[in-house]
Amino acid sequence: MALVGTFPGLSGLASTAVSDAPAVEPEAAAVTGDAGAASLAQPLLAHIKDLGTGEISLFQGEREVIINDPALARRLLSAVQH
């Protein structure tokens, strides 16, 4: 299952997931701060690679961060099915 697009509020969900979930790539550890106070300079895209494991690739500009968060993956899928 793959979802690609931009969704209002996704940056807050993804920022929380990146800081809380174990990251595959080391740059995910650099995400800190108040997600509500930050603004996006570029669109944030989420690609759910595996709904079962919750593997999600987050793309912003040239950067890709991979997280594993099954609950977030299910919430994103639910958001686009309504």
PDB file of N, CA and C in Angstrom:
ATOM      1  N   MET A   1       0.859  -1.169   0.000  1.00  0.00           N
ATOM      2  CA  MET A   1       0.000   0.000   0.000  1.00  0.00           C
ATOM      3  C   MET A   1       0.895   1.217   0.000  1.00  0.00           C
ATOM      4  N   ALA A   2       0.626   2.158  -0.859  1.00  0.00           N
ATOM      5  CA  ALA A   2       1.415   3.380  -0.924  1.00  0.00           C
ATOM      6  C   ALA A   2       0.497   4.581  -0.985  1.00  0.00           C
ATOM      7  N   LEU A   3       0.813   5.583  -0.216  1.00  0.00           N
ATOM      8  CA  LEU A   3       0.098   6.854  -0.236  1.00  0.00           C
ATOM      9  C   LEU A   3       1.126   7.937  -0.470  1.00  0.00           C
ATOM     10  N   VAL A   4       0.915   8.738  -1.478  1.00  0.00           N
ATOM     11  CA  VAL A   4       1.824   9.836  -1.725  1.00  0.00           C
ATOM     12  C   VAL A   4       0.989  11.079  -1.877  1.00  0.00           C
ATOM     13  N   GLY A   5       1.345  12.106  -1.170  1.00  0.00           N
ATOM     14  CA  GLY A   5       0.631  13.360  -1.261  1.00  0.00           C
ATOM     15  C   GLY A   5       0.926  14.226  -0.075  1.00  0.00           C
ATOM     16  N   THR A   6       0.323  15.384  -0.074  1.00  0.00           N
ATOM     17  CA  THR A   6       0.472  16.267   1.066  1.00  0.00           C
ATOM     18  C   THR A   6      -0.871  16.376   1.752  1.00  0.00           C
ATOM     19  N   PHE A   7      -0.870  16.363   3.056  1.00  0.00           N
ATOM     20  CA  PHE A   7      -2.086  16.413   3.846  1.00  0.00           C
ATOM     21  C   PHE A   7      -1.926  17.468   4.925  1.00  0.00           C
ATOM     22  N   PRO A   8      -2.931  18.310   5.129  1.00  0.00           N
ATOM     23  CA  PRO A   8      -2.856  19.264   6.237  1.00  0.00           C
ATOM     24  C   PRO A   8      -2.656  18.523   7.548  1.00  0.00           C
ATOM     25  N   GLY A   9      -1.727  18.986   8.354  1.00  0.00           N
ATOM     26  CA  GLY A   9      -1.473  18.371   9.647  1.00  0.00           C
ATOM     27  C   GLY A   9      -0.496  17.210   9.605  1.00  0.00           C
ATOM     28  N   LEU A  10      -0.104  16.753   8.418  1.00  0.00           N
ATOM     29  CA  LEU A  10       0.806  15.621   8.319  1.00  0.00           C
ATOM     30  C   LEU A  10       2.163  15.944   8.920  1.00  0.00           C
ATOM     31  N   SER A  11       2.608  17.182   8.768  1.00  0.00           N
ATOM     32  CA  SER A  11       3.925  17.522   9.297  1.00  0.00           C
ATOM     33  C   SER A  11       3.980  17.322  10.809  1.00  0.00           C
ATOM     34  N   GLY A  12       2.909  17.645  11.508  1.00  0.00           N
ATOM     35  CA  GLY A  12       2.878  17.430  12.953  1.00  0.00           C
ATOM     36  C   GLY A  12       2.888  15.968  13.314  1.00  0.00           C
ATOM     37  N   LEU A  13       2.118  15.165  12.590  1.00  0.00           N
ATOM     38  CA  LEU A  13       2.102  13.722  12.842  1.00  0.00           C
ATOM     39  C   LEU A  13       3.454  13.111  12.561  1.00  0.00           C
ATOM     40  N   ALA A  14       4.033  13.477  11.434  1.00  0.00           N
ATOM     41  CA  ALA A  14       5.312  12.896  11.033  1.00  0.00           C
ATOM     42  C   ALA A  14       6.424  13.341  11.968  1.00  0.00           C
ATOM     43  N   SER A  15       6.425  14.596  12.382  1.00  0.00           N
ATOM     44  CA  SER A  15       7.463  15.065  13.296  1.00  0.00           C
ATOM     45  C   SER A  15       7.406  14.307  14.603  1.00  0.00           C
ATOM     46  N   THR A  16       6.205  14.049  15.094  1.00  0.00           N
ATOM     47  CA  THR A  16       6.056  13.278  16.317  1.00  0.00           C
ATOM     48  C   THR A  16       6.555  11.858  16.105  1.00  0.00           C
ATOM     49  N   ALA A  17       6.184  11.269  14.983  1.00  0.00           N
ATOM     50  CA  ALA A  17       6.587   9.889  14.711  1.00  0.00           C
ATOM     51  C   ALA A  17       8.087   9.775  14.548  1.00  0.00           C
ATOM     52  N   VAL A  18       8.709  10.730  13.874  1.00  0.00           N
ATOM     53  CA  VAL A  18      10.149  10.669  13.669  1.00  0.00           C
ATOM     54  C   VAL A  18      10.875  10.783  14.996  1.00  0.00           C
ATOM     55  N   SER A  19      10.390  11.623  15.897  1.00  0.00           N
ATOM     56  CA  SER A  19      11.085  11.777  17.165  1.00  0.00           C
ATOM     57  C   SER A  19      10.800  10.611  18.113  1.00  0.00           C
ATOM     58  N   ASP A  20       9.648   9.944  17.983  1.00  0.00           N
ATOM     59  CA  ASP A  20       9.283   8.866  18.889  1.00  0.00           C
ATOM     60  C   ASP A  20       9.645   7.474  18.374  1.00  0.00           C
ATOM     61  N   ALA A  21       9.632   7.294  17.073  1.00  0.00           N
ATOM     62  CA  ALA A  21       9.839   5.966  16.496  1.00  0.00           C
ATOM     63  C   ALA A  21      11.312   5.733  16.204  1.00  0.00           C
ATOM     64  N   PRO A  22      11.757   4.466  16.257  1.00  0.00           N
ATOM     65  CA  PRO A  22      13.133   4.176  15.881  1.00  0.00           C
ATOM     66  C   PRO A  22      13.324   4.460  14.397  1.00  0.00           C
ATOM     67  N   ALA A  23      14.391   5.128  14.071  1.00  0.00           N
ATOM     68  CA  ALA A  23      14.645   5.519  12.686  1.00  0.00           C
ATOM     69  C   ALA A  23      15.664   4.593  12.051  1.00  0.00           C
ATOM     70  N   VAL A  24      15.491   4.340  10.775  1.00  0.00           N
ATOM     71  CA  VAL A  24      16.440   3.539  10.033  1.00  0.00           C
ATOM     72  C   VAL A  24      17.630   4.397   9.643  1.00  0.00           C
ATOM     73  N   GLU A  25      17.395   5.669   9.337  1.00  0.00           N
ATOM     74  CA  GLU A  25      18.460   6.551   8.900  1.00  0.00           C
ATOM     75  C   GLU A  25      18.865   7.479  10.038  1.00  0.00           C
ATOM     76  N   PRO A  26      20.165   7.776  10.183  1.00  0.00           N
ATOM     77  CA  PRO A  26      20.637   8.576  11.300  1.00  0.00           C
ATOM     78  C   PRO A  26      20.120  10.001  11.319  1.00  0.00           C
ATOM     79  N   GLU A  27      19.787  10.596  10.154  1.00  0.00           N
ATOM     80  CA  GLU A  27      19.347  11.971  10.212  1.00  0.00           C
ATOM     81  C   GLU A  27      18.020  12.139  10.922  1.00  0.00           C
ATOM     82  N   ALA A  28      17.255  11.081  11.105  1.00  0.00           N
ATOM     83  CA  ALA A  28      15.987  11.186  11.833  1.00  0.00           C
ATOM     84  C   ALA A  28      16.229  11.606  13.280  1.00  0.00           C
ATOM     85  N   ALA A  29      17.373  11.272  13.820  1.00  0.00           N
ATOM     86  CA  ALA A  29      17.687  11.652  15.198  1.00  0.00           C
ATOM     87  C   ALA A  29      17.863  13.159  15.332  1.00  0.00           C
ATOM     88  N   ALA A  30      18.104  13.852  14.227  1.00  0.00           N
ATOM     89  CA  ALA A  30      18.317  15.295  14.271  1.00  0.00           C
ATOM     90  C   ALA A  30      17.017  16.075  14.373  1.00  0.00           C
ATOM     91  N   VAL A  31      15.865  15.420  14.226  1.00  0.00           N
ATOM     92  CA  VAL A  31      14.577  16.113  14.292  1.00  0.00           C
ATOM     93  C   VAL A  31      14.248  16.381  15.752  1.00  0.00           C
ATOM     94  N   THR A  32      14.243  17.659  16.120  1.00  0.00           N
ATOM     95  CA  THR A  32      13.942  18.047  17.486  1.00  0.00           C
ATOM     96  C   THR A  32      13.120  19.320  17.462  1.00  0.00           C
ATOM     97  N   GLY A  33      12.658  19.741  18.616  1.00  0.00           N
ATOM     98  CA  GLY A  33      11.953  21.005  18.720  1.00  0.00           C
ATOM     99  C   GLY A  33      10.460  20.835  18.713  1.00  0.00           C
ATOM    100  N   ASP A  34       9.771  21.969  18.747  1.00  0.00           N
ATOM    101  CA  ASP A  34       8.318  22.008  18.778  1.00  0.00           C
ATOM    102  C   ASP A  34       7.777  21.939  17.362  1.00  0.00           C
ATOM    103  N   ALA A  35       7.130  20.835  17.018  1.00  0.00           N
ATOM    104  CA  ALA A  35       6.601  20.648  15.664  1.00  0.00           C
ATOM    105  C   ALA A  35       5.549  21.693  15.328  1.00  0.00           C
ATOM    106  N   GLY A  36       4.806  22.178  16.310  1.00  0.00           N
ATOM    107  CA  GLY A  36       3.781  23.176  16.058  1.00  0.00           C
ATOM    108  C   GLY A  36       4.364  24.531  15.710  1.00  0.00           C
ATOM    109  N   ALA A  37       5.575  24.828  16.182  1.00  0.00           N
ATOM    110  CA  ALA A  37       6.191  26.122  15.935  1.00  0.00           C
ATOM    111  C   ALA A  37       6.951  26.142  14.616  1.00  0.00           C
ATOM    112  N   ALA A  38       7.277  24.997  14.071  1.00  0.00           N
ATOM    113  CA  ALA A  38       8.058  24.923  12.838  1.00  0.00           C
ATOM    114  C   ALA A  38       7.163  25.133  11.625  1.00  0.00           C
ATOM    115  N   SER A  39       7.763  25.700  10.579  1.00  0.00           N
ATOM    116  CA  SER A  39       7.042  25.814   9.319  1.00  0.00           C
ATOM    117  C   SER A  39       7.822  25.045   8.269  1.00  0.00           C
ATOM    118  N   LEU A  40       7.128  24.558   7.269  1.00  0.00           N
ATOM    119  CA  LEU A  40       7.763  23.781   6.226  1.00  0.00           C
ATOM    120  C   LEU A  40       8.238  24.690   5.107  1.00  0.00           C
ATOM    121  N   ALA A  41       9.509  24.579   4.763  1.00  0.00           N
ATOM    122  CA  ALA A  41      10.046  25.318   3.628  1.00  0.00           C
ATOM    123  C   ALA A  41       9.695  24.600   2.327  1.00  0.00           C
ATOM    124  N   GLN A  42       9.520  23.288   2.398  1.00  0.00           N
ATOM    125  CA  GLN A  42       9.182  22.468   1.237  1.00  0.00           C
ATOM    126  C   GLN A  42       8.090  21.491   1.653  1.00  0.00           C
ATOM    127  N   PRO A  43       7.323  20.991   0.672  1.00  0.00           N
ATOM    128  CA  PRO A  43       6.279  20.011   1.012  1.00  0.00           C
ATOM    129  C   PRO A  43       6.875  18.760   1.661  1.00  0.00           C
ATOM    130  N   LEU A  44       6.094  18.150   2.518  1.00  0.00           N
ATOM    131  CA  LEU A  44       6.460  16.891   3.164  1.00  0.00           C
ATOM    132  C   LEU A  44       5.566  15.811   2.579  1.00  0.00           C
ATOM    133  N   LEU A  45       6.179  14.769   2.029  1.00  0.00           N
ATOM    134  CA  LEU A  45       5.422  13.676   1.429  1.00  0.00           C
ATOM    135  C   LEU A  45       5.680  12.394   2.201  1.00  0.00           C
ATOM    136  N   ALA A  46       4.641  11.582   2.349  1.00  0.00           N
ATOM    137  CA  ALA A  46       4.761  10.305   3.052  1.00  0.00           C
ATOM    138  C   ALA A  46       4.421   9.180   2.085  1.00  0.00           C
ATOM    139  N   HIS A  47       5.263   8.163   2.064  1.00  0.00           N
ATOM    140  CA  HIS A  47       5.031   6.972   1.252  1.00  0.00           C
ATOM    141  C   HIS A  47       5.008   5.779   2.202  1.00  0.00           C
ATOM    142  N   ILE A  48       3.827   5.195   2.373  1.00  0.00           N
ATOM    143  CA  ILE A  48       3.710   4.010   3.218  1.00  0.00           C
ATOM    144  C   ILE A  48       4.148   2.815   2.379  1.00  0.00           C
ATOM    145  N   LYS A  49       5.288   2.253   2.766  1.00  0.00           N
ATOM    146  CA  LYS A  49       5.839   1.128   2.015  1.00  0.00           C
ATOM    147  C   LYS A  49       5.231  -0.197   2.448  1.00  0.00           C
ATOM    148  N   ASP A  50       4.944  -0.331   3.745  1.00  0.00           N
ATOM    149  CA  ASP A  50       4.397  -1.583   4.274  1.00  0.00           C
ATOM    150  C   ASP A  50       3.471  -1.250   5.433  1.00  0.00           C
ATOM    151  N   LEU A  51       2.185  -1.394   5.212  1.00  0.00           N
ATOM    152  CA  LEU A  51       1.196  -1.059   6.241  1.00  0.00           C
ATOM    153  C   LEU A  51       1.351  -1.958   7.464  1.00  0.00           C
ATOM    154  N   GLY A  52       1.690  -3.213   7.271  1.00  0.00           N
ATOM    155  CA  GLY A  52       1.828  -4.158   8.385  1.00  0.00           C
ATOM    156  C   GLY A  52       2.945  -3.801   9.341  1.00  0.00           C
ATOM    157  N   THR A  53       4.098  -3.421   8.813  1.00  0.00           N
ATOM    158  CA  THR A  53       5.234  -3.059   9.672  1.00  0.00           C
ATOM    159  C   THR A  53       5.248  -1.573   9.984  1.00  0.00           C
ATOM    160  N   GLY A  54       4.448  -0.806   9.254  1.00  0.00           N
ATOM    161  CA  GLY A  54       4.402   0.633   9.466  1.00  0.00           C
ATOM    162  C   GLY A  54       5.586   1.361   8.870  1.00  0.00           C
ATOM    163  N   GLU A  55       6.265   0.740   7.902  1.00  0.00           N
ATOM    164  CA  GLU A  55       7.413   1.391   7.275  1.00  0.00           C
ATOM    165  C   GLU A  55       6.928   2.536   6.384  1.00  0.00           C
ATOM    166  N   ILE A  56       7.374   3.741   6.716  1.00  0.00           N
ATOM    167  CA  ILE A  56       6.972   4.948   6.001  1.00  0.00           C
ATOM    168  C   ILE A  56       8.225   5.711   5.602  1.00  0.00           C
ATOM    169  N   SER A  57       8.303   6.090   4.333  1.00  0.00           N
ATOM    170  CA  SER A  57       9.366   6.980   3.871  1.00  0.00           C
ATOM    171  C   SER A  57       8.811   8.387   3.863  1.00  0.00           C
ATOM    172  N   LEU A  58       9.508   9.295   4.505  1.00  0.00           N
ATOM    173  CA  LEU A  58       9.140  10.707   4.512  1.00  0.00           C
ATOM    174  C   LEU A  58      10.120  11.440   3.614  1.00  0.00           C
ATOM    175  N   PHE A  59       9.585  12.212   2.686  1.00  0.00           N
ATOM    176  CA  PHE A  59      10.411  12.950   1.737  1.00  0.00           C
ATOM    177  C   PHE A  59      10.179  14.439   1.923  1.00  0.00           C
ATOM    178  N   GLN A  60      11.275  15.180   2.015  1.00  0.00           N
ATOM    179  CA  GLN A  60      11.209  16.638   2.026  1.00  0.00           C
ATOM    180  C   GLN A  60      12.425  17.132   1.251  1.00  0.00           C
ATOM    181  N   GLY A  61      12.157  17.753   0.104  1.00  0.00           N
ATOM    182  CA  GLY A  61      13.248  18.163  -0.765  1.00  0.00           C
ATOM    183  C   GLY A  61      14.017  16.941  -1.231  1.00  0.00           C
ATOM    184  N   GLU A  62      15.312  16.962  -1.060  1.00  0.00           N
ATOM    185  CA  GLU A  62      16.181  15.845  -1.465  1.00  0.00           C
ATOM    186  C   GLU A  62      16.350  14.812  -0.350  1.00  0.00           C
ATOM    187  N   ARG A  63      15.755  15.060   0.791  1.00  0.00           N
ATOM    188  CA  ARG A  63      15.969  14.221   1.978  1.00  0.00           C
ATOM    189  C   ARG A  63      14.894  13.151   2.117  1.00  0.00           C
ATOM    190  N   GLU A  64      15.298  11.937   2.508  1.00  0.00           N
ATOM    191  CA  GLU A  64      14.378  10.847   2.813  1.00  0.00           C
ATOM    192  C   GLU A  64      14.692  10.326   4.202  1.00  0.00           C
ATOM    193  N   VAL A  65      13.661  10.200   5.015  1.00  0.00           N
ATOM    194  CA  VAL A  65      13.789   9.604   6.347  1.00  0.00           C
ATOM    195  C   VAL A  65      12.815   8.446   6.400  1.00  0.00           C
ATOM    196  N   ILE A  66      13.273   7.304   6.869  1.00  0.00           N
ATOM    197  CA  ILE A  66      12.430   6.111   6.970  1.00  0.00           C
ATOM    198  C   ILE A  66      12.119   5.872   8.439  1.00  0.00           C
ATOM    199  N   ILE A  67      10.820   5.722   8.729  1.00  0.00           N
ATOM    200  CA  ILE A  67      10.390   5.418  10.089  1.00  0.00           C
ATOM    201  C   ILE A  67       9.542   4.150  10.066  1.00  0.00           C
ATOM    202  N   ASN A  68       9.381   3.540  11.205  1.00  0.00           N
ATOM    203  CA  ASN A  68       8.499   2.387  11.371  1.00  0.00           C
ATOM    204  C   ASN A  68       7.504   2.723  12.465  1.00  0.00           C
ATOM    205  N   ASP A  69       6.264   2.984  12.056  1.00  0.00           N
ATOM    206  CA  ASP A  69       5.225   3.367  13.010  1.00  0.00           C
ATOM    207  C   ASP A  69       3.879   2.856  12.485  1.00  0.00           C
ATOM    208  N   PRO A  70       3.509   1.607  12.850  1.00  0.00           N
ATOM    209  CA  PRO A  70       2.263   1.033  12.341  1.00  0.00           C
ATOM    210  C   PRO A  70       1.027   1.869  12.663  1.00  0.00           C
ATOM    211  N   ALA A  71       0.975   2.482  13.837  1.00  0.00           N
ATOM    212  CA  ALA A  71      -0.200   3.289  14.207  1.00  0.00           C
ATOM    213  C   ALA A  71      -0.310   4.512  13.304  1.00  0.00           C
ATOM    214  N   LEU A  72       0.798   5.176  13.019  1.00  0.00           N
ATOM    215  CA  LEU A  72       0.783   6.334  12.132  1.00  0.00           C
ATOM    216  C   LEU A  72       0.384   5.916  10.723  1.00  0.00           C
ATOM    217  N   ALA A  73       0.902   4.801  10.251  1.00  0.00           N
ATOM    218  CA  ALA A  73       0.549   4.309   8.909  1.00  0.00           C
ATOM    219  C   ALA A  73      -0.960   4.065   8.813  1.00  0.00           C
ATOM    220  N   ARG A  74      -1.552   3.462   9.847  1.00  0.00           N
ATOM    221  CA  ARG A  74      -3.004   3.220   9.837  1.00  0.00           C
ATOM    222  C   ARG A  74      -3.791   4.526   9.886  1.00  0.00           C
ATOM    223  N   ARG A  75      -3.317   5.514  10.666  1.00  0.00           N
ATOM    224  CA  ARG A  75      -3.990   6.812  10.738  1.00  0.00           C
ATOM    225  C   ARG A  75      -3.939   7.528   9.398  1.00  0.00           C
ATOM    226  N   LEU A  76      -2.808   7.470   8.726  1.00  0.00           N
ATOM    227  CA  LEU A  76      -2.693   8.112   7.406  1.00  0.00           C
ATOM    228  C   LEU A  76      -3.634   7.457   6.406  1.00  0.00           C
ATOM    229  N   LEU A  77      -3.678   6.138   6.405  1.00  0.00           N
ATOM    230  CA  LEU A  77      -4.577   5.425   5.500  1.00  0.00           C
ATOM    231  C   LEU A  77      -6.021   5.780   5.810  1.00  0.00           C
ATOM    232  N   SER A  78      -6.376   5.807   7.076  1.00  0.00           N
ATOM    233  CA  SER A  78      -7.730   6.164   7.472  1.00  0.00           C
ATOM    234  C   SER A  78      -8.091   7.586   7.028  1.00  0.00           C
ATOM    235  N   ALA A  79      -7.137   8.498   7.090  1.00  0.00           N
ATOM    236  CA  ALA A  79      -7.379   9.898   6.710  1.00  0.00           C
ATOM    237  C   ALA A  79      -7.759  10.022   5.239  1.00  0.00           C
ATOM    238  N   VAL A  80      -7.180   9.203   4.379  1.00  0.00           N
ATOM    239  CA  VAL A  80      -7.481   9.329   2.944  1.00  0.00           C
ATOM    240  C   VAL A  80      -8.675   8.491   2.537  1.00  0.00           C
ATOM    241  N   GLN A  81      -9.145   7.611   3.394  1.00  0.00           N
ATOM    242  CA  GLN A  81     -10.296   6.782   3.055  1.00  0.00           C
ATOM    243  C   GLN A  81     -11.612   7.442   3.425  1.00  0.00           C
ATOM    244  N   HIS A  82     -11.581   8.548   4.130  1.00  0.00           N
ATOM    245  CA  HIS A  82     -12.820   9.228   4.546  1.00  0.00           C
ATOM    246  C   HIS A  82     -13.256  10.198   3.520  1.00  0.00           C
TER     247      HIS A  82
END
